[in-house]
Amino acid sequence: MDHHKALKLAHGLYFGGLILLFVAYGFLKDEPLTFSAAMIPVFLGLGGVVAGLVVTLVFVRCPRCGRSLFHSSRIMLSLPHYCPHCGAHL
């Protein structure tokens, strides 16, 4: 998978998961009795965030040296212009 496509997929998973977590928060905030109904978006949201992290770690790699371009604990919003390890233009 191309690193540009992988980053787009990871963004969809990250932000889709975060939206589902906000939906679950809305359920729990309004009516605490619907806790079981809110658990479905919570698990799906957490799964989306974790899947986005896995896609980023596995597929967002330099095409030249093969090392991961994900080098911090925050969500990658864009790719760097050059690989931080080998200096290849991305």
Protein backbone atom coordinates (compact mmCIF):
# COMPACT_ATOMS: atom_id res chain seq x y z
CA MET A 1 0.00 0.00 0.00
CA ASP A 2 1.27 3.47 -0.86
CA HIS A 3 2.19 5.60 2.17
CA HIS A 4 -0.13 8.41 1.00
CA LYS A 5 -3.12 6.05 0.76
CA ALA A 6 -2.22 4.47 4.09
CA LEU A 7 -2.20 7.86 5.79
CA LYS A 8 -5.64 8.70 4.33
CA LEU A 9 -6.98 5.36 5.58
CA ALA A 10 -5.46 5.97 9.01
CA HIS A 11 -7.06 9.44 9.16
CA GLY A 12 -10.45 7.94 8.35
CA LEU A 13 -10.05 5.36 11.09
CA TYR A 14 -8.71 7.85 13.68
CA PHE A 15 -11.28 10.54 13.16
CA GLY A 16 -14.16 8.12 12.58
CA GLY A 17 -13.28 6.48 15.89
CA LEU A 18 -13.15 9.84 17.63
CA ILE A 19 -16.57 10.79 16.24
CA LEU A 20 -18.01 7.53 17.55
CA LEU A 21 -16.50 8.25 20.98
CA PHE A 22 -18.19 11.67 20.99
CA VAL A 23 -21.49 10.02 20.04
CA ALA A 24 -21.10 7.63 22.98
CA TYR A 25 -20.34 10.57 25.26
CA GLY A 26 -23.56 12.22 24.10
CA PHE A 27 -25.52 9.09 24.98
CA LEU A 28 -23.98 8.85 28.43
CA LYS A 29 -24.30 12.58 29.12
CA ASP A 30 -28.03 12.83 28.40
CA GLU A 31 -29.33 9.57 29.85
CA PRO A 32 -27.09 7.52 32.12
CA LEU A 33 -29.57 4.62 31.88
CA THR A 34 -28.53 3.93 28.27
CA PHE A 35 -25.06 2.76 29.29
CA SER A 36 -25.34 -0.51 27.38
CA ALA A 37 -26.40 1.33 24.20
CA ALA A 38 -23.40 3.64 24.53
CA MET A 39 -20.95 0.75 24.79
CA ILE A 40 -21.34 -0.16 21.10
CA PRO A 41 -19.98 3.20 19.82
CA VAL A 42 -17.33 3.17 22.56
CA PHE A 43 -15.92 -0.17 21.43
CA LEU A 44 -16.20 0.73 17.74
CA GLY A 45 -14.55 4.11 18.38
CA LEU A 46 -11.68 2.62 20.34
CA GLY A 47 -11.28 -0.04 17.68
CA GLY A 48 -11.10 2.63 14.98
CA VAL A 49 -8.47 4.63 16.84
CA VAL A 50 -6.36 1.52 17.49
CA ALA A 51 -6.76 0.34 13.88
CA GLY A 52 -5.64 3.77 12.66
CA LEU A 53 -2.55 3.53 14.83
CA VAL A 54 -1.77 0.04 13.51
CA VAL A 55 -2.21 1.16 9.88
CA THR A 56 0.10 4.11 10.54
CA LEU A 57 2.77 1.95 12.16
CA VAL A 58 2.64 -0.83 9.56
CA PHE A 59 2.02 0.95 6.24
CA VAL A 60 3.28 4.55 6.57
CA ARG A 61 6.89 3.78 5.72
CA CYS A 62 9.62 5.28 3.60
CA PRO A 63 9.63 3.66 0.15
CA ARG A 64 13.44 3.80 0.05
CA CYS A 65 14.65 2.59 3.44
CA GLY A 66 11.43 0.96 4.72
CA ARG A 67 11.57 2.60 8.15
CA SER A 68 8.44 4.03 9.74
CA LEU A 69 7.65 7.70 9.17
CA PHE A 70 5.63 7.73 12.40
CA HIS A 71 8.16 8.86 14.98
CA SER A 72 6.12 10.55 17.71
CA SER A 73 3.19 9.76 19.95
CA ARG A 74 0.80 12.16 18.20
CA ILE A 75 -1.46 11.56 15.20
CA MET A 76 0.28 12.29 11.90
CA LEU A 77 -1.69 14.97 10.08
CA SER A 78 0.62 15.07 7.06
CA LEU A 79 3.67 13.32 5.73
CA PRO A 80 7.07 14.96 6.00
CA HIS A 81 8.66 16.10 2.74
CA TYR A 82 11.75 13.99 3.41
CA CYS A 83 12.34 10.76 5.30
CA PRO A 84 13.76 11.60 8.76
CA HIS A 85 16.01 8.52 8.60
CA CYS A 86 17.54 8.40 5.09
CA GLY A 87 16.61 11.81 3.68
CA ALA A 88 14.75 10.47 0.62
CA HIS A 89 12.20 12.79 -0.96
CA LEU A 90 8.66 11.58 -0.32
